Protein backbone atom coordinates (compact mmCIF):
# COMPACT_ATOMS: atom_id res chain seq x y z
CA MET A 1 26.44 -86.86 192.59
CA SER A 2 30.07 -87.04 191.45
CA ALA A 3 31.26 -84.59 188.82
CA ARG A 4 31.52 -85.78 185.26
CA GLN A 5 35.12 -86.58 184.28
CA VAL A 6 36.57 -85.08 181.10
CA TYR A 7 39.82 -85.95 179.34
CA ILE A 8 41.71 -82.95 178.07
CA SER A 9 45.21 -83.17 176.63
CA GLY A 10 46.63 -85.83 178.88
CA LYS A 11 44.58 -85.31 182.02
CA MET A 12 41.29 -86.57 183.39
CA VAL A 13 39.66 -83.68 185.24
CA PRO A 14 36.23 -82.78 186.67
CA GLU A 15 34.12 -81.06 184.02
CA GLN A 16 34.30 -77.68 185.78
CA ASP A 17 38.09 -77.78 185.37
CA ALA A 18 38.02 -78.72 181.68
CA LYS A 19 39.11 -75.49 180.00
CA ILE A 20 40.94 -74.49 176.85
CA SER A 21 42.64 -71.25 175.88
CA ILE A 22 40.77 -68.56 173.96
CA PHE A 23 43.72 -68.78 171.57
CA ASP A 24 43.11 -72.45 170.78
CA SER A 25 42.48 -73.09 167.10
CA ALA A 26 39.10 -74.58 168.08
CA VAL A 27 38.07 -71.07 169.18
CA MET A 28 40.11 -68.98 166.77
CA LEU A 29 39.25 -70.89 163.59
CA GLY A 30 36.76 -73.66 164.37
CA ASP A 31 39.72 -75.83 163.37
CA THR A 32 38.59 -79.06 165.00
CA VAL A 33 37.75 -82.59 163.93
CA THR A 34 35.16 -84.55 165.84
CA GLU A 35 33.41 -87.84 166.40
CA SER A 36 30.33 -88.76 168.42
CA THR A 37 29.65 -92.34 169.51
CA ARG A 38 26.69 -93.52 171.56
CA THR A 39 26.19 -96.36 173.97
CA PHE A 40 23.47 -99.02 174.05
CA ARG A 41 22.95 -100.51 177.50
CA HIS A 42 26.12 -98.64 178.54
CA GLN A 43 28.21 -100.35 175.83
CA PRO A 44 29.78 -98.18 173.08
CA PHE A 45 28.45 -98.87 169.60
CA LYS A 46 31.09 -99.20 166.87
CA LEU A 47 33.61 -97.10 168.79
CA GLU A 48 36.50 -98.62 166.82
CA ARG A 49 34.82 -97.57 163.57
CA HIS A 50 34.33 -94.01 164.86
CA ILE A 51 37.98 -93.79 165.86
CA GLU A 52 39.01 -95.15 162.47
CA ARG A 53 37.03 -92.35 160.81
CA LEU A 54 38.46 -89.81 163.27
CA TYR A 55 41.98 -90.69 162.20
CA LYS A 56 41.05 -90.32 158.54
CA SER A 57 39.81 -86.80 159.32
CA LEU A 58 43.01 -86.10 161.27
CA LYS A 59 45.14 -87.22 158.33
CA VAL A 60 43.31 -85.07 155.80
CA THR A 61 43.45 -82.01 158.07
CA ARG A 62 47.10 -82.66 158.98
CA ILE A 63 46.44 -82.65 162.73
CA ASP A 64 48.67 -84.87 164.84
CA ALA A 65 46.62 -85.99 167.84
CA GLY A 66 49.72 -87.22 169.64
CA HIS A 67 48.18 -90.67 170.19
CA THR A 68 47.91 -93.80 168.11
CA PRO A 69 44.40 -95.03 167.30
CA GLU A 70 44.91 -97.83 169.82
CA GLU A 71 45.86 -95.34 172.52
CA MET A 72 42.87 -93.17 171.64
CA LEU A 73 40.59 -96.18 171.98
CA GLY A 74 42.01 -96.98 175.41
CA ILE A 75 41.64 -93.41 176.65
CA SER A 76 38.09 -93.26 175.31
CA LEU A 77 37.10 -96.39 177.19
CA GLU A 78 38.64 -94.95 180.37
CA VAL A 79 36.54 -91.79 180.00
CA LEU A 80 33.40 -93.84 179.44
CA GLU A 81 34.13 -96.11 182.41
CA ALA A 82 34.74 -93.12 184.69
CA ASN A 83 31.33 -91.67 183.87
CA LEU A 84 29.11 -94.75 183.71
CA PRO A 85 28.19 -94.44 187.43
CA LEU A 86 26.40 -91.18 186.55
CA LEU A 87 23.94 -93.02 184.28
CA GLY A 88 20.68 -94.62 185.34
CA GLU A 89 20.04 -98.25 184.43
CA GLY A 90 17.98 -97.35 181.35
CA ASP A 91 20.09 -94.36 180.33
CA ASP A 92 22.79 -94.08 177.71
CA CYS A 93 25.32 -91.44 176.74
CA TRP A 94 27.32 -89.85 173.97
CA LEU A 95 31.07 -90.29 173.89
CA VAL A 96 32.45 -87.23 172.09
CA HIS A 97 35.90 -86.54 170.65
CA ASN A 98 36.96 -83.01 169.71
CA ILE A 99 40.55 -82.56 168.56
CA SER A 100 41.92 -79.17 167.55
CA ARG A 101 45.26 -78.15 166.08
CA GLY A 102 46.21 -76.55 169.42
CA GLN A 103 47.33 -73.01 170.22
CA SER A 104 46.96 -70.65 167.27
CA MET A 105 47.65 -66.96 166.81
CA ALA A 106 46.20 -64.72 164.13
CA GLY A 107 48.73 -64.32 161.35
CA ALA A 108 49.75 -65.23 157.85
CA ASP A 109 49.90 -69.00 158.42
CA PRO A 110 46.83 -70.54 160.13
CA THR A 111 48.42 -74.00 160.07
CA LYS A 112 51.28 -73.00 162.38
CA GLN A 113 50.91 -74.67 165.76
CA LEU A 114 52.26 -73.20 168.97
CA SER A 115 51.45 -76.28 171.03
CA PRO A 116 50.49 -79.94 170.63
CA ALA A 117 46.95 -80.72 169.52
CA THR A 118 44.19 -80.20 172.06
CA VAL A 119 42.47 -83.53 172.68
CA MET A 120 39.04 -83.32 174.34
CA ILE A 121 37.00 -86.43 175.18
CA PHE A 122 33.84 -86.37 177.24
CA THR A 123 30.47 -88.02 177.78
CA MET A 124 27.01 -86.47 177.74
CA PHE A 125 23.65 -87.88 178.80
CA LEU A 126 21.80 -89.06 175.69
CA ASN A 127 18.65 -86.97 175.72
CA LEU A 128 16.18 -88.39 173.20
CA ARG A 129 13.16 -86.30 174.19
CA ASP A 130 13.24 -83.99 171.16
CA TRP A 131 13.34 -86.93 168.76
CA ALA A 132 11.29 -89.63 170.50
CA GLN A 133 7.90 -88.61 169.10
CA PHE A 134 9.21 -88.92 165.54
CA TYR A 135 9.68 -92.70 165.85
CA THR A 136 5.91 -93.12 165.70
CA ASP A 137 4.64 -89.82 164.25
CA GLY A 138 7.42 -89.02 161.83
CA CYS A 139 9.04 -85.63 161.41
CA HIS A 140 8.54 -82.86 158.86
CA ALA A 141 11.51 -82.80 156.47
CA VAL A 142 12.10 -79.41 154.85
CA THR A 143 14.70 -78.32 152.29
CA ALA A 144 16.83 -75.39 153.39
CA MET A 145 17.32 -72.32 151.21
CA SER A 146 21.08 -72.48 151.74
CA ARG A 147 23.13 -75.13 149.98
CA ALA A 148 25.54 -77.62 151.51
CA VAL A 149 29.20 -76.64 151.57
CA PRO A 150 30.57 -77.95 148.24
CA SER A 151 32.83 -80.97 148.53
CA GLN A 152 35.26 -79.08 146.29
CA ALA A 153 35.76 -76.71 149.26
CA LEU A 154 35.54 -79.15 152.18
CA ASP A 155 34.93 -82.85 151.72
CA PRO A 156 31.94 -83.84 153.91
CA ARG A 157 33.74 -87.04 154.87
CA VAL A 158 36.00 -84.89 157.06
CA LYS A 159 33.86 -84.69 160.18
CA ASN A 160 34.54 -81.31 161.69
CA ARG A 161 33.17 -78.79 164.19
CA SER A 162 32.95 -75.91 161.68
CA ARG A 163 29.16 -76.19 161.56
CA MET A 164 28.04 -72.60 160.97
CA ALA A 165 26.71 -73.31 157.46
CA TYR A 166 24.59 -76.19 158.77
CA THR A 167 23.32 -74.21 161.74
CA LEU A 168 22.18 -71.35 159.50
CA ALA A 169 20.47 -73.81 157.15
CA GLU A 170 18.65 -75.36 160.10
CA ALA A 171 17.52 -71.89 161.20
CA GLU A 172 15.97 -71.47 157.75
CA VAL A 173 13.89 -74.63 157.95
CA LYS A 174 12.72 -73.72 161.46
CA LEU A 175 11.08 -70.66 159.90
CA VAL A 176 8.80 -73.08 158.03
CA ASP A 177 8.16 -75.37 161.00
CA PRO A 178 9.78 -75.03 164.45
CA GLN A 179 10.15 -78.82 164.57
CA ALA A 180 11.28 -79.25 160.96
CA GLN A 181 14.32 -81.39 160.22
CA GLY A 182 16.40 -79.90 157.44
CA ILE A 183 17.58 -81.42 154.18
CA LEU A 184 20.41 -79.63 152.41
CA LEU A 185 20.88 -79.77 148.66
CA ASP A 186 24.25 -79.42 146.98
CA ILE A 187 25.08 -76.69 144.49
CA TYR A 188 23.70 -78.85 141.67
CA GLY A 189 20.33 -79.44 143.35
CA ASN A 190 21.11 -82.99 144.44
CA VAL A 191 20.13 -84.15 147.92
CA ALA A 192 23.14 -83.93 150.23
CA GLU A 193 22.53 -84.40 153.96
CA ASN A 194 20.95 -83.11 157.13
CA LYS A 195 22.89 -80.93 159.60
CA GLY A 196 23.95 -84.07 161.46
CA ALA A 197 22.43 -87.00 159.61
CA ASN A 198 22.33 -88.90 156.36
CA VAL A 199 19.17 -88.92 154.23
CA PHE A 200 17.45 -92.01 152.82
CA LEU A 201 14.28 -92.70 150.87
CA VAL A 202 12.37 -95.82 149.94
CA SER A 203 10.97 -96.13 146.44
CA GLU A 204 9.79 -99.22 144.54
CA GLY A 205 10.80 -101.38 147.51
CA GLU A 206 14.41 -100.18 147.33
CA ILE A 207 16.33 -98.01 149.80
CA ARG A 208 18.13 -95.13 148.09
CA THR A 209 20.62 -92.64 149.50
CA PRO A 210 23.07 -90.04 148.16
CA THR A 211 26.67 -91.08 147.59
CA THR A 212 29.38 -89.75 149.88
CA ALA A 213 30.41 -87.28 147.17
CA ASN A 214 28.24 -84.72 148.96
CA ALA A 215 27.43 -86.32 152.33
CA LEU A 216 29.17 -87.63 155.42
CA SER A 217 30.12 -91.30 155.28
CA GLY A 218 28.04 -91.96 158.39
CA VAL A 219 28.57 -94.91 160.71
CA SER A 220 24.79 -95.07 161.15
CA ARG A 221 24.50 -94.95 157.36
CA GLU A 222 26.78 -97.98 157.13
CA THR A 223 24.64 -99.75 159.71
CA ILE A 224 21.59 -99.31 157.46
CA PHE A 225 23.48 -101.05 154.66
CA GLU A 226 24.27 -103.94 157.01
CA LEU A 227 20.73 -104.22 158.39
CA ALA A 228 19.17 -103.98 154.94
CA ALA A 229 21.37 -106.88 153.78
CA THR A 230 20.15 -109.05 156.66
CA GLU A 231 16.55 -108.07 155.88
CA GLY A 232 16.90 -108.75 152.16
CA ILE A 233 16.23 -105.12 151.18
CA ALA A 234 18.15 -103.63 148.26
CA VAL A 235 20.14 -100.43 148.86
CA ARG A 236 21.42 -98.12 146.14
CA GLU A 237 23.69 -95.07 146.35
CA MET A 238 22.75 -92.55 143.69
CA ASP A 239 22.06 -88.92 142.87
CA LEU A 240 18.67 -87.88 144.25
CA GLN A 241 16.70 -84.72 143.60
CA VAL A 242 13.82 -83.04 145.40
CA TYR A 243 11.40 -84.77 143.00
CA ASP A 244 12.58 -88.15 144.36
CA LEU A 245 11.77 -87.06 147.90
CA TYR A 246 8.33 -85.77 146.95
CA THR A 247 7.46 -89.06 145.26
CA ALA A 248 9.12 -91.44 147.74
CA ASP A 249 7.14 -94.04 149.67
CA GLU A 250 9.25 -93.40 152.79
CA ILE A 251 11.92 -90.93 153.90
CA PHE A 252 14.18 -91.27 156.90
CA PHE A 253 17.31 -89.86 158.50
CA THR A 254 20.10 -91.77 160.24
CA SER A 255 22.32 -90.38 162.98
CA THR A 256 24.20 -91.56 166.06
CA PRO A 257 21.76 -90.49 168.82
CA TYR A 258 18.39 -91.60 167.45
CA CYS A 259 19.62 -94.16 164.88
CA ILE A 260 16.62 -93.80 162.52
CA MET A 261 14.18 -90.90 162.31
CA PRO A 262 11.30 -91.31 159.83
CA ALA A 263 9.80 -88.34 158.02
CA THR A 264 6.07 -88.42 157.26
CA ARG A 265 5.94 -84.98 155.61
CA PHE A 266 8.24 -83.34 153.11
CA ASN A 267 7.91 -79.62 152.40
CA GLY A 268 4.32 -79.72 153.64
CA LEU A 269 3.19 -82.76 151.63
CA PRO A 270 2.65 -86.26 153.03
CA VAL A 271 5.36 -88.82 152.42
CA GLY A 272 3.64 -91.89 150.99
CA ASP A 273 0.43 -92.33 152.98
CA GLY A 274 1.62 -89.94 155.68
CA GLN A 275 2.44 -92.71 158.15
CA VAL A 276 5.73 -94.23 159.29
CA GLY A 277 6.42 -96.84 156.64
CA PRO A 278 7.03 -100.61 156.85
CA ILE A 279 10.69 -100.48 155.77
CA VAL A 280 11.56 -98.00 158.52
CA LYS A 281 9.73 -100.16 161.06
CA ARG A 282 11.64 -103.24 159.92
CA LEU A 283 14.97 -101.41 160.13
CA LEU A 284 14.23 -100.04 163.60
CA ALA A 285 13.27 -103.50 164.80
CA ALA A 286 16.42 -104.99 163.26
CA TRP A 287 18.63 -102.33 164.87
CA SER A 288 16.97 -102.98 168.23
CA ARG A 289 17.73 -106.68 167.88
CA LEU A 290 21.32 -105.88 166.95
CA VAL A 291 21.90 -103.88 170.15
CA GLU A 292 19.58 -106.02 172.29
CA MET A 293 17.55 -103.01 173.33
CA ASP A 294 14.26 -101.42 172.23
CA ILE A 295 15.46 -98.16 170.69
CA VAL A 296 11.97 -96.67 170.35
CA GLN A 297 11.00 -97.58 173.90
CA GLN A 298 14.05 -95.83 175.33
CA GLY A 299 12.82 -92.56 173.87
CA ARG A 300 9.29 -93.18 175.08
CA ASP A 301 10.57 -93.90 178.58
CA GLN A 302 12.31 -90.54 178.73
CA ILE A 303 9.10 -88.73 177.79
CA ALA A 304 7.13 -90.81 180.27
CA ALA A 305 9.61 -89.95 183.02
CA ASP A 306 8.98 -86.24 182.38
CA GLY A 307 5.25 -86.78 182.60
CA SER A 308 5.53 -88.56 185.94
CA LYS A 309 7.35 -85.70 187.63
């Protein structure tokens, strides 16, 4: 099998040759913005929207990627095209962008760059095995003890690789249940987000989700708004507390890899009747129609392939 091709600062190289300096700001400071796009049937989903958000993050962080958005789109498609032969017919992949400030040395001014930005673009096989069972069984959503990083310190709309706070919060919920999916609250006790997903609930026939004051403005989140409109389901952005999750009829997460992940338990109690709810099922079906692919079946097929080995 051919080696995966990775783009790094102007060059397409085999993955084993894709290296950065230990003095890169990505390593020294976690000073990196990021985006992750997925494919459906080998076609990127909303790549232009992901790149648009990437450039908003770059502007806020004052990182000059050295490419226009149009150039970044073209390079991204080249990386994807170079790696598509590595995928099976029913497989899909991530397309990941990591862009750091470049070479950085410890000192008084962490914003001082010693080189152009480091641009890293690569693909990864989209492994759905850890999530696939949740499409039909639902996951266990658990609130972390730690709170989300306040937006007054770092706006969550800046998608970045400085994820230590979210990783530690996820470690906390795994103490409750090794398969738990975390929900972070903000410093005021409002529902914020998951380590890599937006949080939704269904109550009184209406979909409700936190505003982007304390949560990432997710591309998958936006897709829920679009699908709900086509399905005639009302959506409201609002402050939500733990009480609202306990008393919700349905809870679900949205994220790039799995699209929608329902939760059938919250902090040990059943969500609604403890089954994946009708709104989630409608949204999953609508998303599958949108991308002309059965999203749930793709996850099932990966599990089935493991069982046949």
